[in-house]
Amino acid sequence: MRQVILRRGHVRNETVPSPRASKGSLLIEVAYSCISTGTEASVVEASGTSLIGRALEQPEKLTKAARMVFAEGLGRTIAKARGDDGFGQPLGYSVAGVVVGLG
């Protein structure tokens, strides 16, 4: 499956494993997805900002980060915030497609 991903400040079109429908969810084969020049552009732009800079610009996310530190640990939280967790951040939303699986 192909996915548009933001990884370490760069937008890439990568091959990723196909997902499975988890309990209580649908799996949709996407035909179209919106990649907004506003929303996604701001995400890409913010990815070049330091962690401290992002914290100062969006203090409401500090609470979310603190919860993640307690749940997943400091190292994982920092890696995820930096985009070094190996997964990257998928881009695109408002999808249209066909349901191909039920969880």
Protein backbone atom coordinates (compact mmCIF):
# COMPACT_ATOMS: atom_id res chain seq x y z
CA MET A 1 0.00 0.00 0.00
CA ARG A 2 1.24 3.53 -0.72
CA GLN A 3 1.00 6.29 1.92
CA VAL A 4 2.01 9.96 1.96
CA ILE A 5 4.09 10.36 5.14
CA LEU A 6 5.87 13.22 6.85
CA ARG A 7 9.14 11.84 8.18
CA ARG A 8 11.88 14.00 9.73
CA GLY A 9 10.64 17.14 7.98
CA HIS A 10 10.29 15.55 4.52
CA VAL A 11 7.12 14.51 2.72
CA ARG A 12 7.46 11.08 1.12
CA ASN A 13 5.30 8.61 -0.76
CA GLU A 14 6.20 5.27 0.82
CA THR A 15 5.14 1.67 0.66
CA VAL A 16 3.73 0.62 4.05
CA PRO A 17 2.08 -2.57 5.32
CA SER A 18 -1.65 -2.79 4.66
CA PRO A 19 -3.74 -2.23 7.81
CA ARG A 20 -6.29 -4.63 9.27
CA ALA A 21 -9.74 -3.74 10.55
CA SER A 22 -9.57 -3.66 14.34
CA LYS A 23 -12.55 -4.40 16.56
CA GLY A 24 -15.31 -1.82 16.10
CA SER A 25 -13.76 -0.26 12.98
CA LEU A 26 -13.98 -0.34 9.21
CA LEU A 27 -11.19 -0.87 6.72
CA ILE A 28 -11.64 1.38 3.70
CA GLU A 29 -9.84 1.04 0.39
CA VAL A 30 -9.21 4.71 -0.29
CA ALA A 31 -9.93 6.01 -3.77
CA TYR A 32 -9.44 9.71 -2.95
CA SER A 33 -7.94 11.64 -0.04
CA CYS A 34 -7.69 15.36 0.63
CA ILE A 35 -4.20 16.65 1.29
CA SER A 36 -4.89 20.24 2.22
CA THR A 37 -2.47 22.97 1.27
CA GLY A 38 -3.45 24.70 4.51
CA THR A 39 -3.63 21.98 7.16
CA GLU A 40 -0.86 19.71 5.88
CA ALA A 41 1.35 22.62 4.87
CA SER A 42 1.23 23.90 8.46
CA VAL A 43 2.12 20.41 9.75
CA VAL A 44 5.07 20.18 7.35
CA GLU A 45 6.20 23.69 8.30
CA ALA A 46 5.94 22.94 12.03
CA SER A 47 8.02 19.78 11.59
CA GLY A 48 11.05 22.01 10.96
CA THR A 49 10.56 23.82 14.28
CA SER A 50 12.50 22.68 17.37
CA LEU A 51 10.68 20.83 20.14
CA ILE A 52 10.99 23.87 22.41
CA GLY A 53 9.69 26.14 19.65
CA ARG A 54 6.67 23.90 19.09
CA ALA A 55 5.97 23.78 22.83
CA LEU A 56 6.01 27.58 23.01
CA GLU A 57 3.73 27.89 19.95
CA GLN A 58 1.26 25.23 21.13
CA PRO A 59 1.31 25.01 24.95
CA GLU A 60 -1.91 22.94 24.95
CA LYS A 61 0.09 20.03 23.52
CA LEU A 62 2.33 19.95 26.62
CA THR A 63 -0.47 18.19 28.54
CA LYS A 64 -0.75 15.58 25.79
CA ALA A 65 3.04 15.12 25.83
CA ALA A 66 3.07 14.73 29.63
CA ARG A 67 0.41 11.99 29.41
CA MET A 68 2.45 10.23 26.74
CA VAL A 69 5.59 10.35 28.92
CA PHE A 70 3.72 8.55 31.71
CA ALA A 71 2.15 6.03 29.30
CA GLU A 72 5.06 5.32 26.94
CA GLY A 73 8.18 6.78 28.53
CA LEU A 74 10.33 9.84 27.90
CA GLY A 75 12.48 8.37 25.13
CA ARG A 76 9.51 7.23 23.02
CA THR A 77 7.75 10.56 23.54
CA ILE A 78 10.79 12.55 22.39
CA ALA A 79 11.33 10.24 19.41
CA LYS A 80 7.70 10.60 18.35
CA ALA A 81 7.79 14.40 18.71
CA ARG A 82 10.97 14.55 16.60
CA GLY A 83 9.58 12.12 14.03
CA ASP A 84 12.34 9.61 14.83
CA ASP A 85 9.99 6.82 15.90
CA GLY A 86 10.33 5.07 12.55
CA PHE A 87 6.68 5.55 11.65
CA GLY A 88 6.41 9.15 10.52
CA GLN A 89 3.13 11.02 10.37
CA PRO A 90 0.58 9.99 7.74
CA LEU A 91 -0.86 12.92 5.79
CA GLY A 92 -4.29 13.18 4.19
CA TYR A 93 -7.82 13.04 5.51
CA SER A 94 -11.45 13.25 4.36
CA VAL A 95 -11.12 10.02 2.45
CA ALA A 96 -13.59 8.49 0.01
CA GLY A 97 -13.51 4.83 -0.90
CA VAL A 98 -15.04 1.38 -0.52
CA VAL A 99 -15.43 -0.60 2.72
CA VAL A 100 -13.36 -3.79 2.34
CA GLY A 101 -13.30 -5.05 5.93
CA LEU A 102 -15.24 -4.99 9.20
CA GLY A 103 -13.63 -5.28 12.61
